[in-house]
Amino acid sequence: MTNLRFGGYLLVALGLINMRYQTGHNSVVLHSLSIIVPGAFLLLATFLQPTKKFLEQKNNKVIVGIIVLLLVGYSFIN
C-alpha cells in the first residue's frame, strides 16, 4: 500500500509543479488537473477500506502502477 500512496503523492506533486512552471501556456490548468485528480483519488483510495482491499490484489496493483507511470510520462509532455 505504501508504494501506491507514494504514487499518489508523486502525481499530486508533479501536477502542482507542472502548473507552476507552465504558467502562461494554454490549458495549463486542465493539463495539471489531469495529473493531480487521479493522484488525489489514488491517495484517497489507499486510505478507504473497500478500495484498499481492491488495491491489495496483485493484478490491480500492476494496472494502477502502469497508469501512474503513464501519467508521470504525460506530466513531462508539453
C-alpha atoms as a PDB file:
ATOM      1  CA  MET A   1       0.000   0.000   0.000  1.00  0.00           C
ATOM      2  CA  THR A   2       2.901   2.341   0.705  1.00  0.00           C
ATOM      3  CA  ASN A   3       4.088   2.262  -2.908  1.00  0.00           C
ATOM      4  CA  LEU A   4       0.635   3.221  -4.144  1.00  0.00           C
ATOM      5  CA  ARG A   5       0.499   6.092  -1.668  1.00  0.00           C
ATOM      6  CA  PHE A   6       3.872   7.280  -2.913  1.00  0.00           C
ATOM      7  CA  GLY A   7       2.472   7.126  -6.447  1.00  0.00           C
ATOM      8  CA  GLY A   8      -0.478   9.281  -5.402  1.00  0.00           C
ATOM      9  CA  TYR A   9       1.800  11.801  -3.707  1.00  0.00           C
ATOM     10  CA  LEU A  10       4.051  11.800  -6.767  1.00  0.00           C
ATOM     11  CA  LEU A  11       1.194  12.589  -9.127  1.00  0.00           C
ATOM     12  CA  VAL A  12      -0.127  15.401  -6.949  1.00  0.00           C
ATOM     13  CA  ALA A  13       3.351  16.915  -6.632  1.00  0.00           C
ATOM     14  CA  LEU A  14       4.089  16.624 -10.358  1.00  0.00           C
ATOM     15  CA  GLY A  15       0.764  18.223 -11.209  1.00  0.00           C
ATOM     16  CA  LEU A  16       1.387  21.158  -8.896  1.00  0.00           C
ATOM     17  CA  ILE A  17       4.941  21.629 -10.154  1.00  0.00           C
ATOM     18  CA  ASN A  18       3.675  21.390 -13.708  1.00  0.00           C
ATOM     19  CA  MET A  19       1.082  24.076 -13.028  1.00  0.00           C
ATOM     20  CA  ARG A  20       3.704  26.415 -11.610  1.00  0.00           C
ATOM     21  CA  TYR A  21       6.299  26.016 -14.335  1.00  0.00           C
ATOM     22  CA  GLN A  22       3.909  26.161 -17.271  1.00  0.00           C
ATOM     23  CA  THR A  23       2.154  29.339 -16.204  1.00  0.00           C
ATOM     24  CA  GLY A  24       1.144  31.236 -19.311  1.00  0.00           C
ATOM     25  CA  HIS A  25       0.608  28.218 -21.561  1.00  0.00           C
ATOM     26  CA  ASN A  26      -2.834  27.477 -22.945  1.00  0.00           C
ATOM     27  CA  SER A  27      -4.906  24.990 -20.932  1.00  0.00           C
ATOM     28  CA  VAL A  28      -2.231  24.521 -18.256  1.00  0.00           C
ATOM     29  CA  VAL A  29      -4.930  24.082 -15.617  1.00  0.00           C
ATOM     30  CA  LEU A  30      -6.574  21.189 -17.480  1.00  0.00           C
ATOM     31  CA  HIS A  31      -3.211  19.562 -18.133  1.00  0.00           C
ATOM     32  CA  SER A  32      -2.190  19.834 -14.487  1.00  0.00           C
ATOM     33  CA  LEU A  33      -5.561  18.763 -13.113  1.00  0.00           C
ATOM     34  CA  SER A  34      -5.481  15.670 -15.326  1.00  0.00           C
ATOM     35  CA  ILE A  35      -2.422  14.673 -13.278  1.00  0.00           C
ATOM     36  CA  ILE A  36      -3.496  15.955  -9.854  1.00  0.00           C
ATOM     37  CA  VAL A  37      -7.014  14.475  -9.763  1.00  0.00           C
ATOM     38  CA  PRO A  38      -6.025  10.824 -10.412  1.00  0.00           C
ATOM     39  CA  GLY A  39      -3.222  11.218  -7.861  1.00  0.00           C
ATOM     40  CA  ALA A  40      -5.622  12.550  -5.260  1.00  0.00           C
ATOM     41  CA  PHE A  41      -8.097   9.741  -5.972  1.00  0.00           C
ATOM     42  CA  LEU A  42      -5.349   7.136  -5.686  1.00  0.00           C
ATOM     43  CA  LEU A  43      -4.159   8.628  -2.430  1.00  0.00           C
ATOM     44  CA  LEU A  44      -7.689   8.666  -1.039  1.00  0.00           C
ATOM     45  CA  ALA A  45      -8.311   5.105  -2.243  1.00  0.00           C
ATOM     46  CA  THR A  46      -5.356   3.811  -0.242  1.00  0.00           C
ATOM     47  CA  PHE A  47      -6.989   5.005   2.983  1.00  0.00           C
ATOM     48  CA  LEU A  48     -10.569   3.774   2.400  1.00  0.00           C
ATOM     49  CA  GLN A  49     -11.235   0.187   3.430  1.00  0.00           C
ATOM     50  CA  PRO A  50     -13.270  -1.065   0.413  1.00  0.00           C
ATOM     51  CA  THR A  51     -10.847   0.345  -2.160  1.00  0.00           C
ATOM     52  CA  LYS A  52      -7.868  -0.694  -0.071  1.00  0.00           C
ATOM     53  CA  LYS A  53      -8.936  -4.343  -0.405  1.00  0.00           C
ATOM     54  CA  PHE A  54      -9.350  -3.836  -4.145  1.00  0.00           C
ATOM     55  CA  LEU A  55      -5.877  -2.308  -4.468  1.00  0.00           C
ATOM     56  CA  GLU A  56      -4.222  -5.112  -2.476  1.00  0.00           C
ATOM     57  CA  GLN A  57      -4.818  -7.590  -5.311  1.00  0.00           C
ATOM     58  CA  LYS A  58      -1.690  -8.091  -7.410  1.00  0.00           C
ATOM     59  CA  ASN A  59      -3.357  -7.570 -10.791  1.00  0.00           C
ATOM     60  CA  ASN A  60      -4.899  -4.302  -9.675  1.00  0.00           C
ATOM     61  CA  LYS A  61      -1.570  -3.080  -8.310  1.00  0.00           C
ATOM     62  CA  VAL A  62       0.053  -3.710 -11.680  1.00  0.00           C
ATOM     63  CA  ILE A  63      -2.716  -1.896 -13.561  1.00  0.00           C
ATOM     64  CA  VAL A  64      -2.619   1.098 -11.221  1.00  0.00           C
ATOM     65  CA  GLY A  65       1.180   1.153 -11.419  1.00  0.00           C
ATOM     66  CA  ILE A  66       1.054   1.279 -15.216  1.00  0.00           C
ATOM     67  CA  ILE A  67      -1.488   4.110 -15.105  1.00  0.00           C
ATOM     68  CA  VAL A  68       0.720   6.040 -12.676  1.00  0.00           C
ATOM     69  CA  LEU A  69       3.738   5.572 -14.951  1.00  0.00           C
ATOM     70  CA  LEU A  70       1.750   6.770 -17.959  1.00  0.00           C
ATOM     71  CA  LEU A  71       0.629   9.865 -16.047  1.00  0.00           C
ATOM     72  CA  VAL A  72       4.195  10.571 -14.962  1.00  0.00           C
ATOM     73  CA  GLY A  73       5.235  10.404 -18.605  1.00  0.00           C
ATOM     74  CA  TYR A  74       2.319  12.661 -19.545  1.00  0.00           C
ATOM     75  CA  SER A  75       3.443  15.201 -16.981  1.00  0.00           C
ATOM     76  CA  PHE A  76       6.711  15.694 -18.888  1.00  0.00           C
ATOM     77  CA  ILE A  77       4.989  16.179 -22.242  1.00  0.00           C
ATOM     78  CA  ASN A  78       4.078  19.700 -23.346  1.00  0.00           C
END
